[in-house]
Amino acid sequence: MPAFIVNQTERLSGQAKIPSSKSHTLRAILFAALADGESCIKNVLNSPDTIAMIKACQQLGAKIKQTGSTLLVQGIAGKPCIPDNVIDAGNSGLVLRFVGAIAGLIDGATVITGDQSVRHNRPAKPLLDGLNQLGAKAFSTRGDDKAPIVIQGPIQAGKLRIDGQDSQPVSGLLIASQFLTGRTEIFVDNPGEKPWLNLTLAWFKRLSLQAEHSPDFSHFMIKGSAKLKAFDYCVPSDFSSLAFPVAAALLTHSEITLQGVDMNDSQGDKALLEALSKMGAIFDYSDSAKTLTVHRCESLRGTTLDINDYIDSITILAVIGCYAQGKTVIKNAAIARQKECDRIASIATELKKMGANIEETDDGLTIKRSTLHGAQVYSHHDHRVAMSLAVAGLIAEGKTDIENINCVKKTFPNFIEVMKSLGANIEVCE
């Protein structure tokens, strides 16, 4: 299996373009598949998750043609067909939950599975509960509320209540409800990851789809009977991916400029920049040029961070916490245990191998300033863990060997090229 070999790096410099947003890419494909007519999506992320969403939408009846990073999608006008085979969500919890919700619209059975991570780490219970309350027969084949799942539709408009700690089942059911006849009300217990719900609602607004909700996202009302027209869209850069070169620059006292950054976009992970500013980072943003400059920073201050709004940043914040003066406390991140891996346990385990003073809590991490050394560490098949450990390797004494790094293709397929272009001492060993 390929590995990253990372050596201590004194300085980074230059400019780099950040990959396209995975969250926007997958939503754009699904909405285009549900629309009436042909949509054009440009600058899609080159990712296994993108391929999984394309194939899933094709199995629901959409016709999709890809040329480079552009997709032409002939939609199904909100009327998915019975798939002719099992749908494979791959490594994508979003594909599992969103396509699973859309499968509820079908008068017939749909089976959705995924890779080992999806089948064992990604709960489907809130989705299954919601579908069953709307009249479906939805269940896990192994009775463990994880994939493979079976959805026998069709669902009908009505009322449902689900747990919302993970936002994806809520977003998926909101989207499916748009295509039901009549009003659907969704009551959400423990609403979390609210920026991702905002992202879905921003798509509704873009596409003139109606939705009402309470300020705390505990109650949604969808009128239904949506008529979704085809659209054109260009996918913006991904703030989740932006975190890694930003952190690398901060930890190596470097100045770099990142291109294609739109601070007006609705992605929740841009809140990471505000958190880093609180710790002492200095940024300059040009709205006209869509560039973010990370200025040289001699030190960062430890602080307490509630990261539920930018949960995907937990692994890189753990690395930054090793560098920051004093103590860094990360809290309200329990859902990070149910991502591609248990990110709280995984990043703590691997950073300890590098000498980090880091401890788990139930919902986060406590990190004290540490001197890191090179070590042989493991990605846990998680793209964010792999890239975070690569950044840690830039400030560690000696060589850091990160095993199983194919997973970075999920969100940052050219990670190694971007980091090397900025001056990082990093190689791939096959």
Protein backbone atom coordinates (compact mmCIF):
# COMPACT_ATOMS: atom_id res chain seq x y z
CA MET A 1 0.00 0.00 0.00
CA PRO A 2 1.30 3.50 -0.80
CA ALA A 3 2.51 5.73 2.03
CA PHE A 4 3.45 9.36 2.60
CA ILE A 5 7.05 9.91 3.64
CA VAL A 6 7.27 13.32 5.32
CA ASN A 7 10.35 15.09 6.62
CA GLN A 8 10.65 18.25 8.64
CA THR A 9 10.15 21.33 6.46
CA GLU A 10 11.54 24.74 7.34
CA ARG A 11 9.38 26.99 5.14
CA LEU A 12 6.55 26.93 2.63
CA SER A 13 5.91 29.59 -0.01
CA GLY A 14 3.98 30.23 -3.20
CA GLN A 15 0.41 29.88 -4.40
CA ALA A 16 -1.91 26.90 -4.81
CA LYS A 17 -5.48 26.16 -5.88
CA ILE A 18 -7.75 24.26 -3.52
CA PRO A 19 -9.88 21.32 -4.80
CA SER A 20 -13.59 21.65 -5.43
CA SER A 21 -16.07 21.18 -2.60
CA LYS A 22 -17.19 17.59 -2.06
CA SER A 23 -20.37 18.67 -0.29
CA HIS A 24 -21.40 20.99 -3.12
CA THR A 25 -20.36 18.49 -5.81
CA LEU A 26 -22.52 15.69 -4.39
CA ARG A 27 -25.52 17.94 -3.77
CA ALA A 28 -25.26 19.41 -7.27
CA ILE A 29 -25.26 15.97 -8.88
CA LEU A 30 -28.25 14.77 -6.84
CA PHE A 31 -30.32 17.91 -7.46
CA ALA A 32 -29.48 17.80 -11.18
CA ALA A 33 -30.56 14.15 -11.27
CA LEU A 34 -33.89 15.08 -9.65
CA ALA A 35 -34.48 18.07 -11.95
CA ASP A 36 -36.55 18.23 -15.13
CA GLY A 37 -34.23 18.81 -18.09
CA GLU A 38 -30.48 18.89 -18.65
CA SER A 39 -28.19 20.51 -16.08
CA CYS A 40 -24.53 21.41 -16.52
CA ILE A 41 -22.18 21.12 -13.53
CA LYS A 42 -18.63 22.42 -13.92
CA ASN A 43 -15.53 21.99 -11.77
CA VAL A 44 -16.77 18.82 -10.04
CA LEU A 45 -14.44 17.20 -7.54
CA ASN A 46 -12.50 14.24 -8.93
CA SER A 47 -13.27 11.82 -6.12
CA PRO A 48 -14.48 8.26 -5.47
CA ASP A 49 -17.47 9.83 -3.68
CA THR A 50 -18.35 11.74 -6.85
CA ILE A 51 -18.23 8.51 -8.85
CA ALA A 52 -20.43 6.80 -6.26
CA MET A 53 -23.04 9.58 -6.49
CA ILE A 54 -22.97 9.56 -10.29
CA LYS A 55 -23.50 5.80 -10.42
CA ALA A 56 -26.25 5.93 -7.81
CA CYS A 57 -28.13 8.64 -9.71
CA GLN A 58 -27.75 6.68 -12.94
CA GLN A 59 -29.33 3.68 -11.23
CA LEU A 60 -32.24 5.93 -10.24
CA GLY A 61 -32.75 6.80 -13.91
CA ALA A 62 -30.66 9.92 -14.55
CA LYS A 63 -28.47 10.08 -17.65
CA ILE A 64 -25.05 11.55 -16.91
CA LYS A 65 -22.22 12.34 -19.32
CA GLN A 66 -18.81 13.40 -18.01
CA THR A 67 -16.19 15.34 -19.94
CA GLY A 68 -13.22 16.18 -17.74
CA SER A 69 -14.54 18.06 -14.71
CA THR A 70 -17.89 18.87 -16.37
CA LEU A 71 -21.09 16.85 -16.06
CA LEU A 72 -24.19 17.00 -18.23
CA VAL A 73 -27.10 15.53 -16.26
CA GLN A 74 -30.47 14.66 -17.77
CA GLY A 75 -32.79 14.57 -14.79
CA ILE A 76 -35.71 12.38 -13.81
CA ALA A 77 -38.15 15.16 -12.79
CA GLY A 78 -38.42 13.90 -9.22
CA LYS A 79 -39.48 10.39 -10.25
CA PRO A 80 -36.70 7.87 -9.56
CA CYS A 81 -37.00 4.36 -10.97
CA ILE A 82 -36.37 1.04 -9.26
CA PRO A 83 -32.62 0.33 -9.46
CA ASP A 84 -31.66 -2.75 -11.45
CA ASN A 85 -28.98 -3.68 -8.94
CA VAL A 86 -27.69 -2.92 -5.46
CA ILE A 87 -26.51 0.71 -5.10
CA ASP A 88 -22.96 0.98 -3.75
CA ALA A 89 -22.34 4.16 -1.74
CA GLY A 90 -18.63 3.34 -1.55
CA ASN A 91 -17.01 5.31 1.27
CA SER A 92 -19.67 8.03 1.28
CA GLY A 93 -22.03 8.42 4.20
CA LEU A 94 -23.65 11.27 2.29
CA VAL A 95 -24.49 9.04 -0.69
CA LEU A 96 -25.89 6.41 1.69
CA ARG A 97 -28.16 8.88 3.53
CA PHE A 98 -29.18 11.17 0.64
CA VAL A 99 -29.80 8.44 -1.93
CA GLY A 100 -31.42 6.31 0.75
CA ALA A 101 -33.93 9.09 1.37
CA ILE A 102 -34.63 9.52 -2.35
CA ALA A 103 -35.14 5.75 -2.64
CA GLY A 104 -38.16 6.23 -0.39
CA LEU A 105 -39.91 7.92 -3.33
CA ILE A 106 -39.81 4.69 -5.34
CA ASP A 107 -42.75 2.28 -5.47
CA GLY A 108 -40.47 -0.69 -5.03
CA ALA A 109 -37.40 -1.89 -3.17
CA THR A 110 -33.91 -0.41 -3.17
CA VAL A 111 -30.84 -1.95 -1.54
CA ILE A 112 -27.88 0.29 -0.66
CA THR A 113 -24.53 -0.90 0.66
CA GLY A 114 -21.07 0.63 0.99
CA ASP A 115 -17.47 -0.14 1.83
CA GLN A 116 -16.33 -1.51 5.18
CA SER A 117 -16.28 1.94 6.79
CA VAL A 118 -19.84 2.73 5.70
CA ARG A 119 -21.09 -0.74 6.68
CA HIS A 120 -19.57 -0.57 10.17
CA ASN A 121 -19.05 3.10 11.14
CA ARG A 122 -21.91 5.08 9.61
CA PRO A 123 -25.26 4.72 11.42
CA ALA A 124 -28.39 4.70 9.26
CA LYS A 125 -30.93 4.53 12.10
CA PRO A 126 -32.20 8.15 11.87
CA LEU A 127 -32.75 7.73 8.13
CA LEU A 128 -34.52 4.39 8.55
CA ASP A 129 -36.65 5.77 11.38
CA GLY A 130 -37.71 8.75 9.28
CA LEU A 131 -38.57 6.68 6.23
CA ASN A 132 -40.61 4.22 8.30
CA GLN A 133 -42.60 7.05 9.89
CA LEU A 134 -43.58 8.17 6.38
CA GLY A 135 -44.85 4.72 5.44
CA ALA A 136 -41.81 2.93 4.05
CA LYS A 137 -40.51 -0.45 5.12
CA ALA A 138 -36.87 0.40 5.73
CA PHE A 139 -34.41 -1.76 7.61
CA SER A 140 -30.81 -2.88 7.96
CA THR A 141 -30.15 -6.36 6.59
CA ARG A 142 -28.08 -7.25 9.67
CA GLY A 143 -30.35 -5.55 12.19
CA ASP A 144 -27.55 -3.22 13.33
CA ASP A 145 -28.94 0.00 11.78
CA LYS A 146 -26.04 0.17 9.34
CA ALA A 147 -25.65 -0.68 5.66
CA PRO A 148 -26.63 -2.74 3.79
CA ILE A 149 -30.08 -1.19 4.06
CA VAL A 150 -33.33 -1.98 2.26
CA ILE A 151 -35.93 0.70 1.49
CA GLN A 152 -39.38 -0.38 0.28
CA GLY A 153 -41.38 2.67 -0.77
CA PRO A 154 -43.20 4.73 -1.57
CA ILE A 155 -43.27 7.16 1.33
CA GLN A 156 -46.13 9.63 1.80
CA ALA A 157 -46.17 13.21 3.09
CA GLY A 158 -46.68 13.41 6.84
CA LYS A 159 -44.91 14.02 10.14
CA LEU A 160 -41.75 12.43 11.44
CA ARG A 161 -39.28 12.82 14.29
CA ILE A 162 -35.63 11.77 14.12
CA ASP A 163 -32.35 12.32 15.92
CA GLY A 164 -30.34 15.04 14.20
CA GLN A 165 -26.88 14.77 15.73
CA ASP A 166 -25.72 13.79 12.25
CA SER A 167 -27.12 16.26 9.72
CA GLN A 168 -27.06 13.99 6.67
CA PRO A 169 -30.27 12.01 7.37
CA VAL A 170 -32.08 15.30 8.03
CA SER A 171 -30.84 16.83 4.78
CA GLY A 172 -31.69 13.68 2.84
CA LEU A 173 -35.26 13.59 4.15
CA LEU A 174 -35.68 17.32 3.51
CA ILE A 175 -34.72 16.77 -0.12
CA ALA A 176 -36.99 13.74 -0.56
CA SER A 177 -39.91 15.61 1.05
CA GLN A 178 -39.77 18.23 -1.69
CA PHE A 179 -41.10 15.63 -4.14
CA LEU A 180 -43.98 14.30 -2.03
CA THR A 181 -47.56 15.40 -2.59
CA GLY A 182 -48.59 17.41 0.44
CA ARG A 183 -46.92 18.93 3.48
CA THR A 184 -44.22 17.12 5.44
CA GLU A 185 -43.08 18.19 8.90
CA ILE A 186 -39.75 17.01 10.28
CA PHE A 187 -39.07 17.33 14.02
CA VAL A 188 -35.39 17.03 14.89
CA ASP A 189 -34.04 16.01 18.29
CA ASN A 190 -30.49 17.15 19.09
CA PRO A 191 -29.98 19.12 15.86
CA GLY A 192 -26.27 19.23 15.05
CA GLU A 193 -23.89 20.12 12.23
CA LYS A 194 -26.14 23.08 11.49
CA PRO A 195 -23.90 24.60 8.79
CA TRP A 196 -24.45 21.49 6.67
CA LEU A 197 -28.21 21.93 7.06
CA ASN A 198 -27.69 25.55 6.04
CA LEU A 199 -25.85 24.30 2.97
CA THR A 200 -28.85 22.18 1.96
CA LEU A 201 -31.20 25.11 2.61
CA ALA A 202 -28.94 27.35 0.51
CA TRP A 203 -29.40 24.88 -2.34
CA PHE A 204 -33.16 25.03 -1.84
CA LYS A 205 -33.01 28.81 -2.14
CA ARG A 206 -30.80 28.61 -5.24
CA LEU A 207 -33.27 26.25 -6.90
CA SER A 208 -36.44 28.05 -5.72
CA LEU A 209 -37.50 25.16 -3.48
CA GLN A 210 -39.59 26.14 -0.46
CA ALA A 211 -38.73 25.23 3.14
CA GLU A 212 -39.65 26.70 6.50
CA HIS A 213 -37.76 26.00 9.71
CA SER A 214 -37.40 27.08 13.32
CA PRO A 215 -34.31 29.13 14.22
CA ASP A 216 -32.74 26.18 16.07
CA PHE A 217 -33.41 23.68 13.23
CA SER A 218 -35.59 21.50 15.46
CA HIS A 219 -38.61 21.80 13.14
CA PHE A 220 -38.89 21.91 9.35
CA MET A 221 -41.91 22.18 7.09
CA ILE A 222 -41.81 21.27 3.39
CA LYS A 223 -44.86 22.01 1.23
CA GLY A 224 -44.01 19.34 -1.34
CA SER A 225 -44.99 18.94 -5.00
CA ALA A 226 -41.73 20.63 -6.06
CA LYS A 227 -41.08 21.30 -9.72
CA LEU A 228 -37.30 21.41 -9.97
CA LYS A 229 -35.93 22.93 -13.17
CA ALA A 230 -32.54 22.09 -14.67
CA PHE A 231 -29.71 24.48 -13.80
CA ASP A 232 -26.08 25.35 -14.49
CA TYR A 233 -23.56 25.44 -11.65
CA CYS A 234 -19.81 25.77 -11.06
CA VAL A 235 -18.56 24.06 -7.89
CA PRO A 236 -16.51 26.32 -5.57
CA SER A 237 -13.39 25.33 -3.63
CA ASP A 238 -13.63 23.22 -0.48
CA PHE A 239 -13.02 24.88 2.88
CA SER A 240 -12.48 21.47 4.49
CA SER A 241 -9.50 20.89 2.19
CA LEU A 242 -8.28 24.47 2.65
CA ALA A 243 -7.53 23.61 6.29
CA PHE A 244 -4.46 21.50 5.51
CA PRO A 245 -2.26 23.96 3.58
CA VAL A 246 -3.43 26.73 5.94
CA ALA A 247 -2.28 24.70 8.96
CA ALA A 248 0.96 23.73 7.23
CA ALA A 249 1.77 27.41 6.60
CA LEU A 250 0.98 28.40 10.19
CA LEU A 251 3.07 25.63 11.72
CA THR A 252 6.12 26.37 9.52
CA HIS A 253 5.96 30.17 10.03
CA SER A 254 5.26 30.59 6.32
CA GLU A 255 3.29 32.86 4.02
CA ILE A 256 1.27 31.29 1.20
CA THR A 257 -1.67 32.33 -0.97
CA LEU A 258 -4.56 29.99 -1.75
CA GLN A 259 -6.62 30.53 -4.89
CA GLY A 260 -10.28 29.98 -5.70
CA VAL A 261 -11.51 30.79 -2.18
CA ASP A 262 -15.02 32.26 -1.88
CA MET A 263 -15.71 33.53 1.63
CA ASN A 264 -19.31 34.26 0.58
CA ASP A 265 -20.03 30.57 0.07
CA SER A 266 -22.28 28.76 2.54
CA GLN A 267 -19.81 26.03 3.61
CA GLY A 268 -19.64 25.77 7.39
CA ASP A 269 -15.96 24.87 7.53
CA LYS A 270 -14.93 28.44 6.79
CA ALA A 271 -15.56 28.99 10.52
CA LEU A 272 -12.20 27.29 11.04
CA LEU A 273 -10.49 30.47 9.83
CA GLU A 274 -12.26 32.45 12.54
CA ALA A 275 -11.13 29.93 15.15
CA LEU A 276 -7.54 30.13 13.94
CA SER A 277 -7.70 33.92 14.03
CA LYS A 278 -8.76 33.61 17.67
CA MET A 279 -5.59 31.59 18.22
CA GLY A 280 -3.42 34.28 16.60
CA ALA A 281 -3.39 33.50 12.88
CA ILE A 282 -3.48 36.40 10.42
CA PHE A 283 -5.26 36.15 7.06
CA ASP A 284 -5.94 38.52 4.18
CA TYR A 285 -8.80 37.81 1.79
CA SER A 286 -9.36 39.35 -1.63
CA ASP A 287 -12.98 39.05 -2.72
CA SER A 288 -12.22 40.23 -6.25
CA ALA A 289 -9.32 37.80 -6.76
CA LYS A 290 -10.88 35.05 -4.59
CA THR A 291 -7.57 34.51 -2.80
CA LEU A 292 -6.70 33.88 0.84
CA THR A 293 -3.22 34.79 2.06
CA VAL A 294 -1.91 33.10 5.19
CA HIS A 295 0.64 35.39 6.84
CA ARG A 296 3.69 34.28 8.74
CA CYS A 297 2.81 33.57 12.35
CA GLU A 298 5.44 33.06 15.04
CA SER A 299 3.11 31.44 17.55
CA LEU A 300 -0.48 30.42 18.19
CA ARG A 301 -2.37 30.49 21.49
CA GLY A 302 -4.20 27.49 22.85
CA THR A 303 -7.90 28.02 23.49
CA THR A 304 -11.23 26.23 23.93
CA LEU A 305 -13.11 25.52 20.71
CA ASP A 306 -16.68 24.29 20.20
CA ILE A 307 -16.31 22.79 16.73
CA ASN A 308 -19.74 21.30 16.04
CA ASP A 309 -20.15 23.83 13.22
CA TYR A 310 -16.88 22.73 11.59
CA ILE A 311 -16.61 19.15 12.79
CA ASP A 312 -14.41 17.96 9.91
CA SER A 313 -11.57 20.14 11.22
CA ILE A 314 -11.04 18.10 14.38
CA THR A 315 -8.02 16.15 13.13
CA ILE A 316 -6.08 19.16 11.84
CA LEU A 317 -6.98 21.18 14.95
CA ALA A 318 -5.48 18.38 17.03
CA VAL A 319 -2.21 18.86 15.15
CA ILE A 320 -2.38 22.64 15.55
CA GLY A 321 -3.00 22.12 19.27
CA CYS A 322 0.36 20.35 19.53
CA TYR A 323 2.02 23.54 18.27
CA ALA A 324 -0.04 26.16 20.13
CA GLN A 325 1.15 27.67 23.40
CA GLY A 326 -0.65 26.32 26.45
CA LYS A 327 -3.68 24.05 26.27
CA THR A 328 -6.18 23.56 23.46
CA VAL A 329 -9.57 22.03 24.30
CA ILE A 330 -11.82 20.76 21.50
CA LYS A 331 -15.41 20.05 22.52
CA ASN A 332 -18.91 19.27 21.18
CA ALA A 333 -17.42 16.93 18.60
CA ALA A 334 -18.88 13.56 19.60
CA ILE A 335 -20.26 12.97 16.09
CA ALA A 336 -16.63 12.86 14.87
CA ARG A 337 -16.54 9.33 16.29
CA GLN A 338 -18.98 8.27 13.54
CA LYS A 339 -17.18 9.49 10.43
CA GLU A 340 -14.92 7.40 8.16
CA CYS A 341 -13.38 6.24 11.43
CA ASP A 342 -13.55 7.32 15.06
CA ARG A 343 -11.60 10.50 14.38
CA ILE A 344 -11.22 11.42 18.04
CA ALA A 345 -9.62 8.10 18.97
CA SER A 346 -7.66 7.74 15.74
CA ILE A 347 -5.93 11.12 15.71
CA ALA A 348 -5.16 10.84 19.44
CA THR A 349 -3.63 7.39 18.96
CA GLU A 350 -1.46 8.42 16.02
CA LEU A 351 -0.27 11.75 17.43
CA LYS A 352 0.73 10.00 20.67
CA LYS A 353 3.07 7.86 18.56
CA MET A 354 4.70 11.14 17.52
CA GLY A 355 5.06 12.34 21.11
CA ALA A 356 1.93 14.45 21.46
CA ASN A 357 0.47 15.31 24.85
CA ILE A 358 -3.12 14.61 23.84
CA GLU A 359 -6.07 12.99 25.61
CA GLU A 360 -9.54 12.00 24.52
CA THR A 361 -12.72 13.22 26.16
CA ASP A 362 -16.19 11.90 25.43
CA ASP A 363 -16.85 14.68 22.94
CA GLY A 364 -13.42 15.92 21.95
CA LEU A 365 -9.75 16.29 22.78
CA THR A 366 -7.44 18.08 25.18
CA ILE A 367 -4.02 18.91 23.73
CA LYS A 368 -0.98 20.54 25.31
CA ARG A 369 1.97 21.99 23.45
CA SER A 370 4.21 19.12 22.37
CA THR A 371 7.48 18.48 20.58
CA LEU A 372 6.68 15.96 17.86
CA HIS A 373 9.06 13.37 16.45
CA GLY A 374 8.78 11.29 13.32
CA ALA A 375 7.08 7.91 13.59
CA GLN A 376 5.30 5.24 11.60
CA VAL A 377 1.61 6.13 11.77
CA TYR A 378 -1.62 4.91 10.18
CA SER A 379 -4.37 6.75 8.31
CA HIS A 380 -7.24 4.53 9.56
CA HIS A 381 -8.50 4.73 5.94
CA ASP A 382 -9.56 8.33 6.68
CA HIS A 383 -8.54 11.15 4.34
CA ARG A 384 -8.58 13.82 7.04
CA VAL A 385 -6.49 11.73 9.43
CA ALA A 386 -3.94 11.04 6.67
CA MET A 387 -3.57 14.69 5.64
CA SER A 388 -3.45 15.90 9.24
CA LEU A 389 -0.63 13.49 10.03
CA ALA A 390 1.21 14.70 6.91
CA VAL A 391 1.02 18.27 8.24
CA ALA A 392 2.25 17.05 11.63
CA GLY A 393 5.19 15.44 9.86
CA LEU A 394 6.28 18.84 8.54
CA ILE A 395 7.14 20.02 12.07
CA ALA A 396 8.25 16.68 13.53
CA GLU A 397 11.92 15.86 14.04
CA GLY A 398 12.94 13.05 11.70
CA LYS A 399 10.89 11.04 9.22
CA THR A 400 7.16 10.38 9.42
CA ASP A 401 5.80 7.39 7.51
CA ILE A 402 2.00 7.50 7.00
CA GLU A 403 0.55 4.20 5.85
CA ASN A 404 -2.45 3.72 3.54
CA ILE A 405 -2.89 7.16 1.98
CA ASN A 406 -5.09 6.30 -1.02
CA CYS A 407 -7.98 7.65 1.06
CA VAL A 408 -6.89 11.27 0.42
CA LYS A 409 -8.40 10.95 -3.07
CA LYS A 410 -11.80 11.32 -1.41
CA THR A 411 -11.45 15.10 -1.04
CA PHE A 412 -7.94 16.20 -2.09
CA PRO A 413 -6.77 14.02 -5.00
CA ASN A 414 -3.76 16.26 -5.75
CA PHE A 415 -2.74 16.78 -2.13
CA ILE A 416 0.83 15.61 -2.66
CA GLU A 417 1.30 17.83 -5.72
CA VAL A 418 -0.12 20.91 -3.99
CA MET A 419 1.98 20.44 -0.87
CA LYS A 420 5.17 19.82 -2.85
CA SER A 421 4.50 22.90 -4.99
CA LEU A 422 4.49 24.93 -1.77
CA GLY A 423 7.80 23.43 -0.69
CA ALA A 424 6.75 20.60 1.62
CA ASN A 425 9.27 17.81 2.06
CA ILE A 426 6.84 15.02 1.26
CA GLU A 427 6.95 12.04 -1.09
CA VAL A 428 4.81 9.04 -1.96
CA CYS A 429 6.36 5.63 -1.45
CA GLU A 430 4.63 2.85 -3.38
